Amino acid sequence: MAASKILIVEDEAHHGQALKQVLEGSGYRVLGPAPDCSAALELIWRERPDIAFVDTHLGSETCEAVLDECDLQDVPVIITSTNVETLPAFCGDRGRVGKPVVLGAIDTAIAQLSA
């Protein structure tokens, strides 16, 4: 999968900016970070990303609506969380990377989407 547009859905600004910096440094066009579900859904509908990195919880809401829309639009998702070992059931068996992000883990997660 040759991804060029990657959506970041993250409510914590420092995590979102760190991920954005890593992805842009690798040559990707980054959409977001979207801090909540409504902003993320708007970007999905308007820009149709190739991949989405989605945090499990966005303030007081979960990311379920974003995951459902990504599934409808065939946008592969990589879950981001500070605890990737115990994700909520609604995350399913999607790829995952821990926060804070590291380049190697991001590259591996993106590569696994192609496998």
PDB file of N, CA and C in Angstrom:
ATOM      1  N   MET A   1       0.850  -1.179   0.000  1.00  0.00           N
ATOM      2  CA  MET A   1       0.000   0.000   0.000  1.00  0.00           C
ATOM      3  C   MET A   1       0.888   1.232   0.000  1.00  0.00           C
ATOM      4  N   ALA A   2       0.698   2.058  -0.977  1.00  0.00           N
ATOM      5  CA  ALA A   2       1.457   3.299  -1.052  1.00  0.00           C
ATOM      6  C   ALA A   2       0.590   4.432  -0.492  1.00  0.00           C
ATOM      7  N   ALA A   3       0.795   4.728   0.764  1.00  0.00           N
ATOM      8  CA  ALA A   3       0.000   5.774   1.411  1.00  0.00           C
ATOM      9  C   ALA A   3       0.648   7.124   1.170  1.00  0.00           C
ATOM     10  N   SER A   4      -0.177   8.089   0.840  1.00  0.00           N
ATOM     11  CA  SER A   4       0.352   9.439   0.707  1.00  0.00           C
ATOM     12  C   SER A   4      -0.326  10.392   1.678  1.00  0.00           C
ATOM     13  N   LYS A   5      -1.618  10.160   1.975  1.00  0.00           N
ATOM     14  CA  LYS A   5      -2.357  11.006   2.917  1.00  0.00           C
ATOM     15  C   LYS A   5      -2.685  10.194   4.160  1.00  0.00           C
ATOM     16  N   ILE A   6      -2.213  10.675   5.288  1.00  0.00           N
ATOM     17  CA  ILE A   6      -2.467   9.973   6.543  1.00  0.00           C
ATOM     18  C   ILE A   6      -3.193  10.902   7.503  1.00  0.00           C
ATOM     19  N   LEU A   7      -4.314  10.420   8.019  1.00  0.00           N
ATOM     20  CA  LEU A   7      -5.107  11.156   8.991  1.00  0.00           C
ATOM     21  C   LEU A   7      -4.631  10.812  10.399  1.00  0.00           C
ATOM     22  N   ILE A   8      -4.486  11.831  11.230  1.00  0.00           N
ATOM     23  CA  ILE A   8      -4.196  11.636  12.649  1.00  0.00           C
ATOM     24  C   ILE A   8      -5.422  12.095  13.430  1.00  0.00           C
ATOM     25  N   VAL A   9      -5.921  11.216  14.296  1.00  0.00           N
ATOM     26  CA  VAL A   9      -7.034  11.543  15.181  1.00  0.00           C
ATOM     27  C   VAL A   9      -6.503  11.420  16.605  1.00  0.00           C
ATOM     28  N   GLU A  10      -6.272  12.553  17.233  1.00  0.00           N
ATOM     29  CA  GLU A  10      -5.611  12.587  18.550  1.00  0.00           C
ATOM     30  C   GLU A  10      -6.021  13.845  19.290  1.00  0.00           C
ATOM     31  N   ASP A  11      -6.518  13.676  20.516  1.00  0.00           N
ATOM     32  CA  ASP A  11      -6.965  14.830  21.301  1.00  0.00           C
ATOM     33  C   ASP A  11      -5.864  15.451  22.145  1.00  0.00           C
ATOM     34  N   GLU A  12      -4.768  14.760  22.348  1.00  0.00           N
ATOM     35  CA  GLU A  12      -3.658  15.320  23.114  1.00  0.00           C
ATOM     36  C   GLU A  12      -2.663  15.944  22.132  1.00  0.00           C
ATOM     37  N   ALA A  13      -2.567  17.262  22.165  1.00  0.00           N
ATOM     38  CA  ALA A  13      -1.800  18.009  21.166  1.00  0.00           C
ATOM     39  C   ALA A  13      -0.357  17.528  21.061  1.00  0.00           C
ATOM     40  N   HIS A  14       0.308  17.260  22.161  1.00  0.00           N
ATOM     41  CA  HIS A  14       1.714  16.863  22.086  1.00  0.00           C
ATOM     42  C   HIS A  14       1.889  15.514  21.399  1.00  0.00           C
ATOM     43  N   HIS A  15       0.966  14.572  21.612  1.00  0.00           N
ATOM     44  CA  HIS A  15       1.047  13.286  20.916  1.00  0.00           C
ATOM     45  C   HIS A  15       0.739  13.460  19.429  1.00  0.00           C
ATOM     46  N   GLY A  16      -0.272  14.259  19.116  1.00  0.00           N
ATOM     47  CA  GLY A  16      -0.636  14.494  17.724  1.00  0.00           C
ATOM     48  C   GLY A  16       0.474  15.174  16.943  1.00  0.00           C
ATOM     49  N   GLN A  17       1.097  16.173  17.542  1.00  0.00           N
ATOM     50  CA  GLN A  17       2.185  16.887  16.862  1.00  0.00           C
ATOM     51  C   GLN A  17       3.419  16.002  16.690  1.00  0.00           C
ATOM     52  N   ALA A  18       3.704  15.168  17.683  1.00  0.00           N
ATOM     53  CA  ALA A  18       4.845  14.261  17.569  1.00  0.00           C
ATOM     54  C   ALA A  18       4.642  13.271  16.426  1.00  0.00           C
ATOM     55  N   LEU A  19       3.451  12.704  16.329  1.00  0.00           N
ATOM     56  CA  LEU A  19       3.154  11.771  15.242  1.00  0.00           C
ATOM     57  C   LEU A  19       3.190  12.478  13.898  1.00  0.00           C
ATOM     58  N   LYS A  20       2.629  13.671  13.840  1.00  0.00           N
ATOM     59  CA  LYS A  20       2.645  14.450  12.600  1.00  0.00           C
ATOM     60  C   LYS A  20       4.079  14.713  12.150  1.00  0.00           C
ATOM     61  N   GLN A  21       4.937  15.090  13.069  1.00  0.00           N
ATOM     62  CA  GLN A  21       6.328  15.380  12.739  1.00  0.00           C
ATOM     63  C   GLN A  21       7.036  14.145  12.176  1.00  0.00           C
ATOM     64  N   VAL A  22       6.809  12.997  12.794  1.00  0.00           N
ATOM     65  CA  VAL A  22       7.434  11.757  12.323  1.00  0.00           C
ATOM     66  C   VAL A  22       6.931  11.407  10.923  1.00  0.00           C
ATOM     67  N   LEU A  23       5.625  11.492  10.719  1.00  0.00           N
ATOM     68  CA  LEU A  23       5.053  11.130   9.417  1.00  0.00           C
ATOM     69  C   LEU A  23       5.487  12.093   8.317  1.00  0.00           C
ATOM     70  N   GLU A  24       5.461  13.391   8.598  1.00  0.00           N
ATOM     71  CA  GLU A  24       5.909  14.356   7.597  1.00  0.00           C
ATOM     72  C   GLU A  24       7.394  14.182   7.297  1.00  0.00           C
ATOM     73  N   GLY A  25       8.174  13.827   8.302  1.00  0.00           N
ATOM     74  CA  GLY A  25       9.592  13.560   8.089  1.00  0.00           C
ATOM     75  C   GLY A  25       9.836  12.362   7.191  1.00  0.00           C
ATOM     76  N   SER A  26       8.847  11.472   7.125  1.00  0.00           N
ATOM     77  CA  SER A  26       8.941  10.301   6.247  1.00  0.00           C
ATOM     78  C   SER A  26       8.303  10.553   4.883  1.00  0.00           C
ATOM     79  N   GLY A  27       7.849  11.790   4.653  1.00  0.00           N
ATOM     80  CA  GLY A  27       7.331  12.161   3.342  1.00  0.00           C
ATOM     81  C   GLY A  27       5.840  12.064   3.148  1.00  0.00           C
ATOM     82  N   TYR A  28       5.089  11.779   4.200  1.00  0.00           N
ATOM     83  CA  TYR A  28       3.642  11.679   4.073  1.00  0.00           C
ATOM     84  C   TYR A  28       2.981  13.044   4.176  1.00  0.00           C
ATOM     85  N   ARG A  29       1.842  13.189   3.508  1.00  0.00           N
ATOM     86  CA  ARG A  29       0.983  14.360   3.700  1.00  0.00           C
ATOM     87  C   ARG A  29       0.064  14.025   4.861  1.00  0.00           C
ATOM     88  N   VAL A  30       0.053  14.874   5.883  1.00  0.00           N
ATOM     89  CA  VAL A  30      -0.697  14.593   7.101  1.00  0.00           C
ATOM     90  C   VAL A  30      -1.954  15.448   7.167  1.00  0.00           C
ATOM     91  N   LEU A  31      -3.066  14.800   7.470  1.00  0.00           N
ATOM     92  CA  LEU A  31      -4.339  15.466   7.715  1.00  0.00           C
ATOM     93  C   LEU A  31      -4.543  15.481   9.220  1.00  0.00           C
ATOM     94  N   GLY A  32      -4.787  16.635   9.786  1.00  0.00           N
ATOM     95  CA  GLY A  32      -4.979  16.743  11.231  1.00  0.00           C
ATOM     96  C   GLY A  32      -3.701  17.180  11.910  1.00  0.00           C
ATOM     97  N   PRO A  33      -3.630  16.951  13.182  1.00  0.00           N
ATOM     98  CA  PRO A  33      -4.434  16.067  14.010  1.00  0.00           C
ATOM     99  C   PRO A  33      -5.844  16.604  14.259  1.00  0.00           C
ATOM    100  N   ALA A  34      -6.817  15.703  14.098  1.00  0.00           N
ATOM    101  CA  ALA A  34      -8.204  16.008  14.419  1.00  0.00           C
ATOM    102  C   ALA A  34      -8.400  15.690  15.900  1.00  0.00           C
ATOM    103  N   PRO A  35      -8.882  16.664  16.688  1.00  0.00           N
ATOM    104  CA  PRO A  35      -8.964  16.459  18.132  1.00  0.00           C
ATOM    105  C   PRO A  35     -10.226  15.744  18.619  1.00  0.00           C
ATOM    106  N   ASP A  36     -11.200  15.525  17.736  1.00  0.00           N
ATOM    107  CA  ASP A  36     -12.440  14.876  18.161  1.00  0.00           C
ATOM    108  C   ASP A  36     -13.074  14.157  16.967  1.00  0.00           C
ATOM    109  N   CYS A  37     -14.133  13.413  17.251  1.00  0.00           N
ATOM    110  CA  CYS A  37     -14.770  12.612  16.205  1.00  0.00           C
ATOM    111  C   CYS A  37     -15.330  13.460  15.071  1.00  0.00           C
ATOM    112  N   SER A  38     -15.982  14.565  15.380  1.00  0.00           N
ATOM    113  CA  SER A  38     -16.590  15.356  14.309  1.00  0.00           C
ATOM    114  C   SER A  38     -15.539  15.923  13.365  1.00  0.00           C
ATOM    115  N   ALA A  39     -14.424  16.401  13.898  1.00  0.00           N
ATOM    116  CA  ALA A  39     -13.347  16.910  13.039  1.00  0.00           C
ATOM    117  C   ALA A  39     -12.744  15.780  12.206  1.00  0.00           C
ATOM    118  N   ALA A  40     -12.597  14.606  12.809  1.00  0.00           N
ATOM    119  CA  ALA A  40     -12.044  13.454  12.085  1.00  0.00           C
ATOM    120  C   ALA A  40     -12.986  13.024  10.960  1.00  0.00           C
ATOM    121  N   LEU A  41     -14.271  12.947  11.251  1.00  0.00           N
ATOM    122  CA  LEU A  41     -15.236  12.547  10.220  1.00  0.00           C
ATOM    123  C   LEU A  41     -15.243  13.525   9.058  1.00  0.00           C
ATOM    124  N   GLU A  42     -15.163  14.801   9.350  1.00  0.00           N
ATOM    125  CA  GLU A  42     -15.115  15.818   8.294  1.00  0.00           C
ATOM    126  C   GLU A  42     -13.905  15.604   7.380  1.00  0.00           C
ATOM    127  N   LEU A  43     -12.749  15.326   7.976  1.00  0.00           N
ATOM    128  CA  LEU A  43     -11.548  15.086   7.171  1.00  0.00           C
ATOM    129  C   LEU A  43     -11.670  13.804   6.347  1.00  0.00           C
ATOM    130  N   ILE A  44     -12.276  12.779   6.917  1.00  0.00           N
ATOM    131  CA  ILE A  44     -12.463  11.526   6.170  1.00  0.00           C
ATOM    132  C   ILE A  44     -13.348  11.781   4.955  1.00  0.00           C
ATOM    133  N   TRP A  45     -14.452  12.480   5.153  1.00  0.00           N
ATOM    134  CA  TRP A  45     -15.388  12.732   4.048  1.00  0.00           C
ATOM    135  C   TRP A  45     -14.789  13.659   3.002  1.00  0.00           C
ATOM    136  N   ARG A  46     -14.046  14.667   3.431  1.00  0.00           N
ATOM    137  CA  ARG A  46     -13.521  15.675   2.500  1.00  0.00           C
ATOM    138  C   ARG A  46     -12.240  15.222   1.808  1.00  0.00           C
ATOM    139  N   GLU A  47     -11.358  14.547   2.532  1.00  0.00           N
ATOM    140  CA  GLU A  47     -10.020  14.257   2.003  1.00  0.00           C
ATOM    141  C   GLU A  47      -9.771  12.793   1.639  1.00  0.00           C
ATOM    142  N   ARG A  48     -10.568  11.873   2.159  1.00  0.00           N
ATOM    143  CA  ARG A  48     -10.395  10.424   1.939  1.00  0.00           C
ATOM    144  C   ARG A  48      -8.932  10.000   2.131  1.00  0.00           C
ATOM    145  N   PRO A  49      -8.494   9.900   3.402  1.00  0.00           N
ATOM    146  CA  PRO A  49      -7.110   9.513   3.670  1.00  0.00           C
ATOM    147  C   PRO A  49      -6.821   8.078   3.221  1.00  0.00           C
ATOM    148  N   ASP A  50      -5.538   7.789   3.052  1.00  0.00           N
ATOM    149  CA  ASP A  50      -5.109   6.434   2.694  1.00  0.00           C
ATOM    150  C   ASP A  50      -4.989   5.550   3.928  1.00  0.00           C
ATOM    151  N   ILE A  51      -4.650   6.157   5.061  1.00  0.00           N
ATOM    152  CA  ILE A  51      -4.495   5.472   6.346  1.00  0.00           C
ATOM    153  C   ILE A  51      -4.908   6.453   7.426  1.00  0.00           C
ATOM    154  N   ALA A  52      -5.407   5.918   8.547  1.00  0.00           N
ATOM    155  CA  ALA A  52      -5.721   6.765   9.700  1.00  0.00           C
ATOM    156  C   ALA A  52      -5.059   6.203  10.955  1.00  0.00           C
ATOM    157  N   PHE A  53      -4.402   7.073  11.698  1.00  0.00           N
ATOM    158  CA  PHE A  53      -3.903   6.750  13.036  1.00  0.00           C
ATOM    159  C   PHE A  53      -4.927   7.323  14.007  1.00  0.00           C
ATOM    160  N   VAL A  54      -5.572   6.468  14.795  1.00  0.00           N
ATOM    161  CA  VAL A  54      -6.701   6.891  15.614  1.00  0.00           C
ATOM    162  C   VAL A  54      -6.477   6.519  17.077  1.00  0.00           C
ATOM    163  N   ASP A  55      -6.569   7.521  17.949  1.00  0.00           N
ATOM    164  CA  ASP A  55      -6.508   7.311  19.391  1.00  0.00           C
ATOM    165  C   ASP A  55      -7.814   6.663  19.846  1.00  0.00           C
ATOM    166  N   THR A  56      -7.753   5.851  20.888  1.00  0.00           N
ATOM    167  CA  THR A  56      -8.933   5.127  21.350  1.00  0.00           C
ATOM    168  C   THR A  56      -9.974   6.026  22.012  1.00  0.00           C
ATOM    169  N   HIS A  57      -9.511   7.020  22.750  1.00  0.00           N
ATOM    170  CA  HIS A  57     -10.424   7.925  23.446  1.00  0.00           C
ATOM    171  C   HIS A  57     -10.064   9.368  23.103  1.00  0.00           C
ATOM    172  N   LEU A  58     -11.084  10.144  22.802  1.00  0.00           N
ATOM    173  CA  LEU A  58     -10.907  11.536  22.397  1.00  0.00           C
ATOM    174  C   LEU A  58     -11.684  12.397  23.379  1.00  0.00           C
ATOM    175  N   GLY A  59     -11.006  12.838  24.413  1.00  0.00           N
ATOM    176  CA  GLY A  59     -11.702  13.562  25.467  1.00  0.00           C
ATOM    177  C   GLY A  59     -12.682  12.632  26.146  1.00  0.00           C
ATOM    178  N   SER A  60     -13.945  13.014  26.160  1.00  0.00           N
ATOM    179  CA  SER A  60     -14.961  12.197  26.821  1.00  0.00           C
ATOM    180  C   SER A  60     -15.632  11.192  25.879  1.00  0.00           C
ATOM    181  N   GLU A  61     -15.221  11.149  24.615  1.00  0.00           N
ATOM    182  CA  GLU A  61     -15.847  10.226  23.665  1.00  0.00           C
ATOM    183  C   GLU A  61     -14.852   9.160  23.217  1.00  0.00           C
ATOM    184  N   THR A  62     -15.397   8.050  22.737  1.00  0.00           N
ATOM    185  CA  THR A  62     -14.544   7.016  22.154  1.00  0.00           C
ATOM    186  C   THR A  62     -14.448   7.245  20.655  1.00  0.00           C
ATOM    187  N   CYS A  63     -13.571   6.515  20.016  1.00  0.00           N
ATOM    188  CA  CYS A  63     -13.349   6.690  18.582  1.00  0.00           C
ATOM    189  C   CYS A  63     -14.211   5.766  17.729  1.00  0.00           C
ATOM    190  N   GLU A  64     -15.214   5.131  18.303  1.00  0.00           N
ATOM    191  CA  GLU A  64     -16.013   4.147  17.562  1.00  0.00           C
ATOM    192  C   GLU A  64     -16.610   4.696  16.269  1.00  0.00           C
ATOM    193  N   ALA A  65     -17.131   5.911  16.286  1.00  0.00           N
ATOM    194  CA  ALA A  65     -17.734   6.496  15.079  1.00  0.00           C
ATOM    195  C   ALA A  65     -16.686   6.673  13.983  1.00  0.00           C
ATOM    196  N   VAL A  66     -15.485   7.053  14.369  1.00  0.00           N
ATOM    197  CA  VAL A  66     -14.398   7.224  13.395  1.00  0.00           C
ATOM    198  C   VAL A  66     -13.999   5.867  12.820  1.00  0.00           C
ATOM    199  N   LEU A  67     -13.882   4.860  13.672  1.00  0.00           N
ATOM    200  CA  LEU A  67     -13.527   3.522  13.191  1.00  0.00           C
ATOM    201  C   LEU A  67     -14.590   2.987  12.237  1.00  0.00           C
ATOM    202  N   ASP A  68     -15.859   3.197  12.580  1.00  0.00           N
ATOM    203  CA  ASP A  68     -16.944   2.734  11.705  1.00  0.00           C
ATOM    204  C   ASP A  68     -16.883   3.419  10.340  1.00  0.00           C
ATOM    205  N   GLU A  69     -16.654   4.730  10.331  1.00  0.00           N
ATOM    206  CA  GLU A  69     -16.587   5.456   9.057  1.00  0.00           C
ATOM    207  C   GLU A  69     -15.368   5.035   8.246  1.00  0.00           C
ATOM    208  N   CYS A  70     -14.251   4.826   8.910  1.00  0.00           N
ATOM    209  CA  CYS A  70     -13.065   4.342   8.195  1.00  0.00           C
ATOM    210  C   CYS A  70     -13.356   2.991   7.546  1.00  0.00           C
ATOM    211  N   ASP A  71     -14.053   2.115   8.259  1.00  0.00           N
ATOM    212  CA  ASP A  71     -14.426   0.824   7.682  1.00  0.00           C
ATOM    213  C   ASP A  71     -15.322   1.020   6.455  1.00  0.00           C
ATOM    214  N   LEU A  72     -16.291   1.914   6.551  1.00  0.00           N
ATOM    215  CA  LEU A  72     -17.194   2.178   5.419  1.00  0.00           C
ATOM    216  C   LEU A  72     -16.451   2.738   4.214  1.00  0.00           C
ATOM    217  N   GLN A  73     -15.438   3.556   4.460  1.00  0.00           N
ATOM    218  CA  GLN A  73     -14.677   4.201   3.389  1.00  0.00           C
ATOM    219  C   GLN A  73     -13.439   3.396   2.973  1.00  0.00           C
ATOM    220  N   ASP A  74     -13.264   2.209   3.538  1.00  0.00           N
ATOM    221  CA  ASP A  74     -12.090   1.366   3.260  1.00  0.00           C
ATOM    222  C   ASP A  74     -10.776   2.070   3.573  1.00  0.00           C
ATOM    223  N   VAL A  75     -10.749   2.794   4.685  1.00  0.00           N
ATOM    224  CA  VAL A  75      -9.529   3.452   5.149  1.00  0.00           C
ATOM    225  C   VAL A  75      -8.942   2.587   6.251  1.00  0.00           C
ATOM    226  N   PRO A  76      -7.780   1.995   6.023  1.00  0.00           N
ATOM    227  CA  PRO A  76      -7.149   1.181   7.068  1.00  0.00           C
ATOM    228  C   PRO A  76      -6.793   2.041   8.278  1.00  0.00           C
ATOM    229  N   VAL A  77      -6.923   1.448   9.461  1.00  0.00           N
ATOM    230  CA  VAL A  77      -6.693   2.168  10.708  1.00  0.00           C
ATOM    231  C   VAL A  77      -5.582   1.516  11.511  1.00  0.00           C
ATOM    232  N   ILE A  78      -4.762   2.367  12.099  1.00  0.00           N
ATOM    233  CA  ILE A  78      -3.769   1.946  13.087  1.00  0.00           C
ATOM    234  C   ILE A  78      -4.160   2.654  14.378  1.00  0.00           C
ATOM    235  N   ILE A  79      -4.404   1.882  15.413  1.00  0.00           N
ATOM    236  CA  ILE A  79      -4.805   2.430  16.704  1.00  0.00           C
ATOM    237  C   ILE A  79      -3.568   2.955  17.433  1.00  0.00           C
ATOM    238  N   THR A  80      -3.704   4.122  18.059  1.00  0.00           N
ATOM    239  CA  THR A  80      -2.630   4.657  18.909  1.00  0.00           C
ATOM    240  C   THR A  80      -3.145   4.726  20.340  1.00  0.00           C
ATOM    241  N   SER A  81      -2.303   4.314  21.276  1.00  0.00           N
ATOM    242  CA  SER A  81      -2.708   4.306  22.675  1.00  0.00           C
ATOM    243  C   SER A  81      -1.472   4.237  23.554  1.00  0.00           C
ATOM    244  N   THR A  82      -1.598   4.774  24.759  1.00  0.00           N
ATOM    245  CA  THR A  82      -0.487   4.649  25.707  1.00  0.00           C
ATOM    246  C   THR A  82      -0.381   3.235  26.240  1.00  0.00           C
ATOM    247  N   ASN A  83      -1.457   2.450  26.108  1.00  0.00           N
ATOM    248  CA  ASN A  83      -1.436   1.059  26.555  1.00  0.00           C
ATOM    249  C   ASN A  83      -2.010   0.176  25.453  1.00  0.00           C
ATOM    250  N   VAL A  84      -1.158  -0.251  24.539  1.00  0.00           N
ATOM    251  CA  VAL A  84      -1.625  -1.050  23.405  1.00  0.00           C
ATOM    252  C   VAL A  84      -1.894  -2.507  23.765  1.00  0.00           C
ATOM    253  N   GLU A  85      -1.553  -2.902  24.976  1.00  0.00           N
ATOM    254  CA  GLU A  85      -1.783  -4.287  25.389  1.00  0.00           C
ATOM    255  C   GLU A  85      -3.241  -4.527  25.797  1.00  0.00           C
ATOM    256  N   THR A  86      -3.923  -3.507  26.271  1.00  0.00           N
ATOM    257  CA  THR A  86      -5.310  -3.675  26.728  1.00  0.00           C
ATOM    258  C   THR A  86      -6.207  -2.632  26.063  1.00  0.00           C
ATOM    259  N   LEU A  87      -6.463  -2.822  24.785  1.00  0.00           N
ATOM    260  CA  LEU A  87      -7.333  -1.901  24.044  1.00  0.00           C
ATOM    261  C   LEU A  87      -8.795  -2.289  24.232  1.00  0.00           C
ATOM    262  N   PRO A  88      -9.702  -1.319  24.135  1.00  0.00           N
ATOM    263  CA  PRO A  88     -11.138  -1.632  24.202  1.00  0.00           C
ATOM    264  C   PRO A  88     -11.535  -2.586  23.079  1.00  0.00           C
ATOM    265  N   ALA A  89     -12.551  -3.382  23.323  1.00  0.00           N
ATOM    266  CA  ALA A  89     -13.003  -4.380  22.346  1.00  0.00           C
ATOM    267  C   ALA A  89     -13.372  -3.762  21.007  1.00  0.00           C
ATOM    268  N   PHE A  90     -13.896  -2.521  21.005  1.00  0.00           N
ATOM    269  CA  PHE A  90     -14.322  -1.906  19.749  1.00  0.00           C
ATOM    270  C   PHE A  90     -13.165  -1.641  18.790  1.00  0.00           C
ATOM    271  N   CYS A  91     -11.927  -1.737  19.268  1.00  0.00           N
ATOM    272  CA  CYS A  91     -10.761  -1.541  18.391  1.00  0.00           C
ATOM    273  C   CYS A  91     -10.508  -2.752  17.504  1.00  0.00           C
ATOM    274  N   GLY A  92     -11.068  -3.885  17.873  1.00  0.00           N
ATOM    275  CA  GLY A  92     -10.901  -5.089  17.069  1.00  0.00           C
ATOM    276  C   GLY A  92      -9.449  -5.521  16.996  1.00  0.00           C
ATOM    277  N   ASP A  93      -9.082  -6.103  15.860  1.00  0.00           N
ATOM    278  CA  ASP A  93      -7.717  -6.614  15.698  1.00  0.00           C
ATOM    279  C   ASP A  93      -6.875  -5.714  14.795  1.00  0.00           C
ATOM    280  N   ARG A  94      -7.185  -4.440  14.814  1.00  0.00           N
ATOM    281  CA  ARG A  94      -6.437  -3.483  13.999  1.00  0.00           C
ATOM    282  C   ARG A  94      -4.994  -3.383  14.489  1.00  0.00           C
ATOM    283  N   GLY A  95      -4.122  -2.906  13.592  1.00  0.00           N
ATOM    284  CA  GLY A  95      -2.745  -2.636  13.977  1.00  0.00           C
ATOM    285  C   GLY A  95      -2.710  -1.578  15.064  1.00  0.00           C
ATOM    286  N   ARG A  96      -1.614  -1.522  15.776  1.00  0.00           N
ATOM    287  CA  ARG A  96      -1.522  -0.577  16.882  1.00  0.00           C
ATOM    288  C   ARG A  96      -0.091  -0.129  17.096  1.00  0.00           C
ATOM    289  N   VAL A  97       0.041   1.097  17.568  1.00  0.00           N
ATOM    290  CA  VAL A  97       1.339   1.627  17.982  1.00  0.00           C
ATOM    291  C   VAL A  97       1.150   2.345  19.312  1.00  0.00           C
ATOM    292  N   GLY A  98       2.176   2.273  20.141  1.00  0.00           N
ATOM    293  CA  GLY A  98       2.125   2.917  21.444  1.00  0.00           C
ATOM    294  C   GLY A  98       2.498   4.385  21.362  1.00  0.00           C
ATOM    295  N   LYS A  99       2.095   5.091  22.388  1.00  0.00           N
ATOM    296  CA  LYS A  99       2.464   6.502  22.530  1.00  0.00           C
ATOM    297  C   LYS A  99       3.355   6.602  23.750  1.00  0.00           C
ATOM    298  N   PRO A 100       4.392   7.401  23.694  1.00  0.00           N
ATOM    299  CA  PRO A 100       4.776   8.256  22.569  1.00  0.00           C
ATOM    300  C   PRO A 100       5.267   7.427  21.378  1.00  0.00           C
ATOM    301  N   VAL A 101       5.085   7.978  20.196  1.00  0.00           N
ATOM    302  CA  VAL A 101       5.386   7.269  18.957  1.00  0.00           C
ATOM    303  C   VAL A 101       6.892   7.216  18.691  1.00  0.00           C
ATOM    304  N   VAL A 102       7.289   6.152  18.019  1.00  0.00           N
ATOM    305  CA  VAL A 102       8.671   6.024  17.551  1.00  0.00           C
ATOM    306  C   VAL A 102       8.625   5.615  16.083  1.00  0.00           C
ATOM    307  N   LEU A 103       9.564   6.114  15.313  1.00  0.00           N
ATOM    308  CA  LEU A 103       9.574   5.911  13.868  1.00  0.00           C
ATOM    309  C   LEU A 103       9.501   4.435  13.479  1.00  0.00           C
ATOM    310  N   GLY A 104      10.294   3.604  14.093  1.00  0.00           N
ATOM    311  CA  GLY A 104      10.311   2.183  13.726  1.00  0.00           C
ATOM    312  C   GLY A 104       8.951   1.525  13.871  1.00  0.00           C
ATOM    313  N   ALA A 105       8.251   1.829  14.947  1.00  0.00           N
ATOM    314  CA  ALA A 105       6.933   1.236  15.175  1.00  0.00           C
ATOM    315  C   ALA A 105       5.925   1.723  14.130  1.00  0.00           C
ATOM    316  N   ILE A 106       6.022   2.977  13.746  1.00  0.00           N
ATOM    317  CA  ILE A 106       5.117   3.526  12.733  1.00  0.00           C
ATOM    318  C   ILE A 106       5.379   2.875  11.385  1.00  0.00           C
ATOM    319  N   ASP A 107       6.639   2.785  11.004  1.00  0.00           N
ATOM    320  CA  ASP A 107       6.994   2.147   9.735  1.00  0.00           C
ATOM    321  C   ASP A 107       6.514   0.695   9.696  1.00  0.00           C
ATOM    322  N   THR A 108       6.691  -0.011  10.799  1.00  0.00           N
ATOM    323  CA  THR A 108       6.259  -1.412  10.878  1.00  0.00           C
ATOM    324  C   THR A 108       4.748  -1.520  10.751  1.00  0.00           C
ATOM    325  N   ALA A 109       4.012  -0.671  11.445  1.00  0.00           N
ATOM    326  CA  ALA A 109       2.555  -0.713  11.394  1.00  0.00           C
ATOM    327  C   ALA A 109       2.037  -0.420   9.990  1.00  0.00           C
ATOM    328  N   ILE A 110       2.631   0.554   9.326  1.00  0.00           N
ATOM    329  CA  ILE A 110       2.224   0.876   7.952  1.00  0.00           C
ATOM    330  C   ILE A 110       2.556  -0.270   7.016  1.00  0.00           C
ATOM    331  N   ALA A 111       3.727  -0.858   7.172  1.00  0.00           N
ATOM    332  CA  ALA A 111       4.135  -1.975   6.318  1.00  0.00           C
ATOM    333  C   ALA A 111       3.203  -3.186   6.512  1.00  0.00           C
ATOM    334  N   GLN A 112       2.736  -3.413   7.733  1.00  0.00           N
ATOM    335  CA  GLN A 112       1.846  -4.549   7.994  1.00  0.00           C
ATOM    336  C   GLN A 112       0.500  -4.391   7.302  1.00  0.00           C
ATOM    337  N   LEU A 113       0.097  -3.177   7.013  1.00  0.00           N
ATOM    338  CA  LEU A 113      -1.164  -2.981   6.290  1.00  0.00           C
ATOM    339  C   LEU A 113      -1.066  -3.523   4.866  1.00  0.00           C
ATOM    340  N   SER A 114       0.139  -3.590   4.325  1.00  0.00           N
ATOM    341  CA  SER A 114       0.358  -4.076   2.966  1.00  0.00           C
ATOM    342  C   SER A 114       0.508  -5.581   2.907  1.00  0.00           C
ATOM    343  N   ALA A 115       0.797  -6.188   4.048  1.00  0.00           N
ATOM    344  CA  ALA A 115       1.087  -7.626   4.082  1.00  0.00           C
ATOM    345  C   ALA A 115      -0.151  -8.471   3.909  1.00  0.00           C
TER     346      ALA A 115
END
